[in-house]
């Protein structure tokens, strides 16, 4: 997993609440067995017209100013619906490294950390202010600094956000669940060696 220390870039506004995982990555695209390749289908039903090929000019993120934005600002309860891990896969594959919202569905929130995406929680008032700024100033840029736990815009804006210390450490180091387990590789190896010896002498058998 790619480490997350700091990301700077355009902030794309998605001023919608209760964005569910079936809108993030519709169910018909869940057949892939890899974690990659989902970005092109992100927000598919909103990004394209009914023919599934023509970009919908009314969809916020299709505006040229938000192309390649690494930061997404959204309304409350982002990532609700089914627990599909494909949702953060699609967001990450599209290029988003950080999401800013007032609240998230619990499973989606946890899955973000496991897949290298930082979900920042700020108050509804602050998020709405950021959404309004990003919409009225296309190309508005932010810096999300995980190490310092702050968001800045190169001007007077400086916002602190909270994050669990263990999740912060994992993101900073690029550790997913397997990576975390491998931090104890020496202890695991020692245990396995002892277990083999115990089994050889019959320890623990009845």
Protein backbone atom coordinates (compact mmCIF):
# COMPACT_ATOMS: atom_id res chain seq x y z
CA UNK A 1 0.00 0.00 0.00
CA UNK A 2 1.32 3.44 -0.91
CA UNK A 3 2.18 5.51 2.19
CA UNK A 4 0.14 8.63 2.85
CA UNK A 5 2.05 11.54 4.38
CA UNK A 6 0.74 14.65 2.63
CA UNK A 7 -1.28 15.31 -0.49
CA UNK A 8 -1.74 18.62 -2.29
CA UNK A 9 -3.97 19.33 -5.24
CA UNK A 10 -7.36 20.31 -6.55
CA UNK A 11 -10.32 19.63 -4.27
CA UNK A 12 -13.32 18.25 -6.18
CA UNK A 13 -16.72 19.11 -4.66
CA UNK A 14 -19.45 16.48 -4.58
CA UNK A 15 -22.20 18.35 -2.76
CA UNK A 16 -24.42 15.36 -2.13
CA UNK A 17 -25.38 13.51 1.05
CA UNK A 18 -25.83 9.77 1.55
CA UNK A 19 -23.64 8.84 -1.42
CA UNK A 20 -23.86 5.05 -1.30
CA UNK A 21 -21.38 2.46 -2.45
CA UNK A 22 -23.58 1.41 -5.38
CA UNK A 23 -23.23 4.93 -6.75
CA UNK A 24 -19.50 4.95 -6.04
CA UNK A 25 -19.02 1.68 -7.94
CA UNK A 26 -22.18 0.06 -9.38
CA UNK A 27 -22.69 -3.65 -8.81
CA UNK A 28 -22.25 -4.66 -12.46
CA UNK A 29 -18.56 -3.75 -12.23
CA UNK A 30 -17.73 -5.95 -9.24
CA UNK A 31 -16.70 -8.98 -11.28
CA UNK A 32 -13.01 -8.17 -11.45
CA UNK A 33 -10.77 -10.10 -9.06
CA UNK A 34 -7.99 -7.50 -9.05
CA UNK A 35 -8.05 -4.33 -6.97
CA UNK A 36 -7.18 -2.21 -9.99
CA UNK A 37 -9.18 -1.06 -12.99
CA UNK A 38 -12.21 0.20 -11.09
CA UNK A 39 -11.45 3.91 -11.46
CA UNK A 40 -13.01 4.18 -14.92
CA UNK A 41 -16.33 3.05 -13.45
CA UNK A 42 -16.34 5.40 -10.45
CA UNK A 43 -19.70 7.21 -10.13
CA UNK A 44 -20.58 5.57 -13.46
CA UNK A 45 -24.31 6.30 -13.41
CA UNK A 46 -23.65 9.97 -12.68
CA UNK A 47 -20.60 10.45 -14.90
CA UNK A 48 -22.22 9.15 -18.08
CA UNK A 49 -25.50 9.56 -19.89
CA UNK A 50 -27.84 6.62 -20.39
CA UNK A 51 -25.73 5.24 -23.25
CA UNK A 52 -22.93 4.56 -20.75
CA UNK A 53 -20.35 6.27 -22.96
CA UNK A 54 -21.17 9.97 -23.27
CA UNK A 55 -19.92 12.06 -20.32
CA UNK A 56 -22.73 13.84 -18.52
CA UNK A 57 -21.83 17.56 -18.48
CA UNK A 58 -24.13 18.14 -15.52
CA UNK A 59 -22.12 15.88 -13.23
CA UNK A 60 -19.87 17.95 -10.99
CA UNK A 61 -16.70 15.94 -11.33
CA UNK A 62 -16.83 16.00 -15.14
CA UNK A 63 -15.86 19.67 -15.13
CA UNK A 64 -12.33 20.06 -16.59
CA UNK A 65 -11.18 22.01 -13.54
CA UNK A 66 -11.60 18.92 -11.35
CA UNK A 67 -9.72 16.49 -13.59
CA UNK A 68 -7.08 14.50 -11.71
CA UNK A 69 -8.15 15.96 -8.37
CA UNK A 70 -6.59 13.98 -5.48
CA UNK A 71 -9.01 15.34 -2.85
CA UNK A 72 -12.77 14.80 -2.73
CA UNK A 73 -15.14 16.89 -0.60
CA UNK A 74 -18.56 15.35 0.01
CA UNK A 75 -21.67 15.53 2.17
CA UNK A 76 -22.52 13.52 5.27
CA UNK A 77 -22.89 9.74 5.46
CA UNK A 78 -20.54 9.17 2.55
CA UNK A 79 -20.04 5.51 1.61
CA UNK A 80 -23.31 4.19 3.04
CA UNK A 81 -25.02 1.12 1.60
CA UNK A 82 -23.34 -2.23 1.03
CA UNK A 83 -19.95 -3.00 2.54
CA UNK A 84 -18.15 -3.57 -0.79
CA UNK A 85 -14.42 -2.90 -0.52
CA UNK A 86 -14.52 -2.08 -4.23
CA UNK A 87 -15.70 1.43 -3.30
CA UNK A 88 -12.35 2.62 -1.89
CA UNK A 89 -10.59 0.62 -4.63
CA UNK A 90 -12.48 2.65 -7.25
CA UNK A 91 -11.84 5.96 -5.51
CA UNK A 92 -8.14 5.21 -5.14
CA UNK A 93 -7.79 3.91 -8.68
CA UNK A 94 -9.44 7.09 -9.97
CA UNK A 95 -6.82 9.12 -8.11
CA UNK A 96 -8.40 10.25 -4.85
CA UNK A 97 -6.07 10.01 -1.85
CA UNK A 98 -8.15 11.97 0.67
CA UNK A 99 -11.86 12.51 1.29
CA UNK A 100 -13.30 15.28 3.44
CA UNK A 101 -16.84 14.83 4.77
CA UNK A 102 -18.86 15.35 7.97
CA UNK A 103 -19.45 11.61 8.44
CA UNK A 104 -19.02 8.22 6.80
CA UNK A 105 -20.58 4.78 6.96
CA UNK A 106 -18.50 2.78 9.45
CA UNK A 107 -17.43 -0.08 7.15
CA UNK A 108 -16.53 2.27 4.32
CA UNK A 109 -14.56 4.46 6.73
CA UNK A 110 -12.53 1.48 7.94
CA UNK A 111 -11.98 0.20 4.40
CA UNK A 112 -10.51 3.55 3.36
CA UNK A 113 -7.67 3.24 5.87
CA UNK A 114 -7.00 -0.32 4.74
CA UNK A 115 -6.62 0.85 1.15
CA UNK A 116 -4.46 3.95 1.49
CA UNK A 117 -7.19 6.61 1.50
CA UNK A 118 -7.47 9.15 4.31
CA UNK A 119 -11.11 9.90 5.27
CA UNK A 120 -11.10 13.23 7.12
CA UNK A 121 -14.03 14.14 9.37
CA UNK A 122 -14.89 17.82 9.83
CA UNK A 123 -18.06 19.56 10.98
CA UNK A 124 -20.94 20.01 8.54
CA UNK A 125 -20.48 23.79 8.64
CA UNK A 126 -16.79 23.61 7.72
CA UNK A 127 -17.35 20.99 5.01
CA UNK A 128 -20.14 23.07 3.48
CA UNK A 129 -17.84 26.09 3.46
CA UNK A 130 -15.16 24.06 1.67
CA UNK A 131 -17.74 22.76 -0.81
CA UNK A 132 -18.97 26.28 -1.54
CA UNK A 133 -15.41 27.53 -2.03
CA UNK A 134 -14.47 24.65 -4.33
CA UNK A 135 -17.63 25.13 -6.41
CA UNK A 136 -17.25 28.88 -6.76
CA UNK A 137 -13.51 28.66 -7.42
CA UNK A 138 -12.94 25.67 -9.74
CA UNK A 139 -9.37 24.51 -9.34
CA UNK A 140 -9.29 25.42 -5.63
CA UNK A 141 -6.40 23.54 -4.07
CA UNK A 142 -5.87 22.11 -0.61
CA UNK A 143 -3.09 20.35 1.23
CA UNK A 144 -4.04 17.50 3.53
CA UNK A 145 -1.17 16.84 5.92
CA UNK A 146 -1.59 13.60 7.84
CA UNK A 147 1.60 14.02 9.84
CA UNK A 148 0.53 17.43 11.13
CA UNK A 149 -3.19 16.50 11.06
CA UNK A 150 -4.16 19.73 9.31
CA UNK A 151 -5.69 21.02 6.10
CA UNK A 152 -4.44 24.24 4.51
CA UNK A 153 -5.08 26.11 1.28
CA UNK A 154 -1.96 28.24 0.99
CA UNK A 155 -3.82 31.21 2.47
CA UNK A 156 -5.30 31.76 5.90
CA UNK A 157 -7.12 28.44 6.10
CA UNK A 158 -5.73 25.98 8.64
CA UNK A 159 -8.01 23.23 9.89
CA UNK A 160 -7.09 20.54 12.43
CA UNK A 161 -8.56 17.06 12.13
CA UNK A 162 -8.46 14.06 14.44
CA UNK A 163 -7.36 10.59 13.44
CA UNK A 164 -6.76 7.42 15.42
CA UNK A 165 -3.05 7.09 16.20
CA UNK A 166 -2.76 3.46 15.05
CA UNK A 167 -4.51 4.21 11.75
CA UNK A 168 -2.31 7.26 11.29
CA UNK A 169 0.82 5.15 11.78
CA UNK A 170 -0.41 2.55 9.28
CA UNK A 171 -1.13 5.15 6.61
CA UNK A 172 2.14 6.99 7.14
CA UNK A 173 4.02 3.72 6.67
CA UNK A 174 1.83 2.22 3.98
CA UNK A 175 0.82 -0.76 6.10
CA UNK A 176 -2.34 -2.65 5.21
CA UNK A 177 -3.50 -5.57 7.39
CA UNK A 178 -0.82 -7.85 5.92
CA UNK A 179 1.82 -5.17 6.40
CA UNK A 180 0.80 -4.77 10.03
CA UNK A 181 1.07 -8.51 10.57
CA UNK A 182 4.55 -8.55 9.02
CA UNK A 183 5.72 -6.05 11.62
CA UNK A 184 5.66 -9.07 13.97
CA UNK A 185 7.34 -11.45 11.53
CA UNK A 186 10.18 -12.30 13.94
CA UNK A 187 7.75 -13.23 16.72
CA UNK A 188 5.59 -15.25 14.33
CA UNK A 189 8.64 -17.14 13.02
CA UNK A 190 9.81 -17.87 16.57
CA UNK A 191 6.35 -19.11 17.54
CA UNK A 192 6.14 -21.39 14.51
CA UNK A 193 9.57 -22.89 15.28
CA UNK A 194 8.55 -23.54 18.89
CA UNK A 195 5.20 -24.94 17.82
CA UNK A 196 6.90 -27.45 15.54
CA UNK A 197 9.17 -28.49 18.42
CA UNK A 198 6.25 -28.79 20.83
CA UNK A 199 4.34 -30.94 18.37
CA UNK A 200 7.40 -33.15 17.85
CA UNK A 201 7.57 -33.98 21.55
CA UNK A 202 3.83 -34.26 21.96
CA UNK A 203 3.27 -31.16 24.08
CA UNK A 204 -0.40 -30.26 24.18
CA UNK A 205 -1.59 -33.69 23.01
CA UNK A 206 -4.17 -35.62 24.98
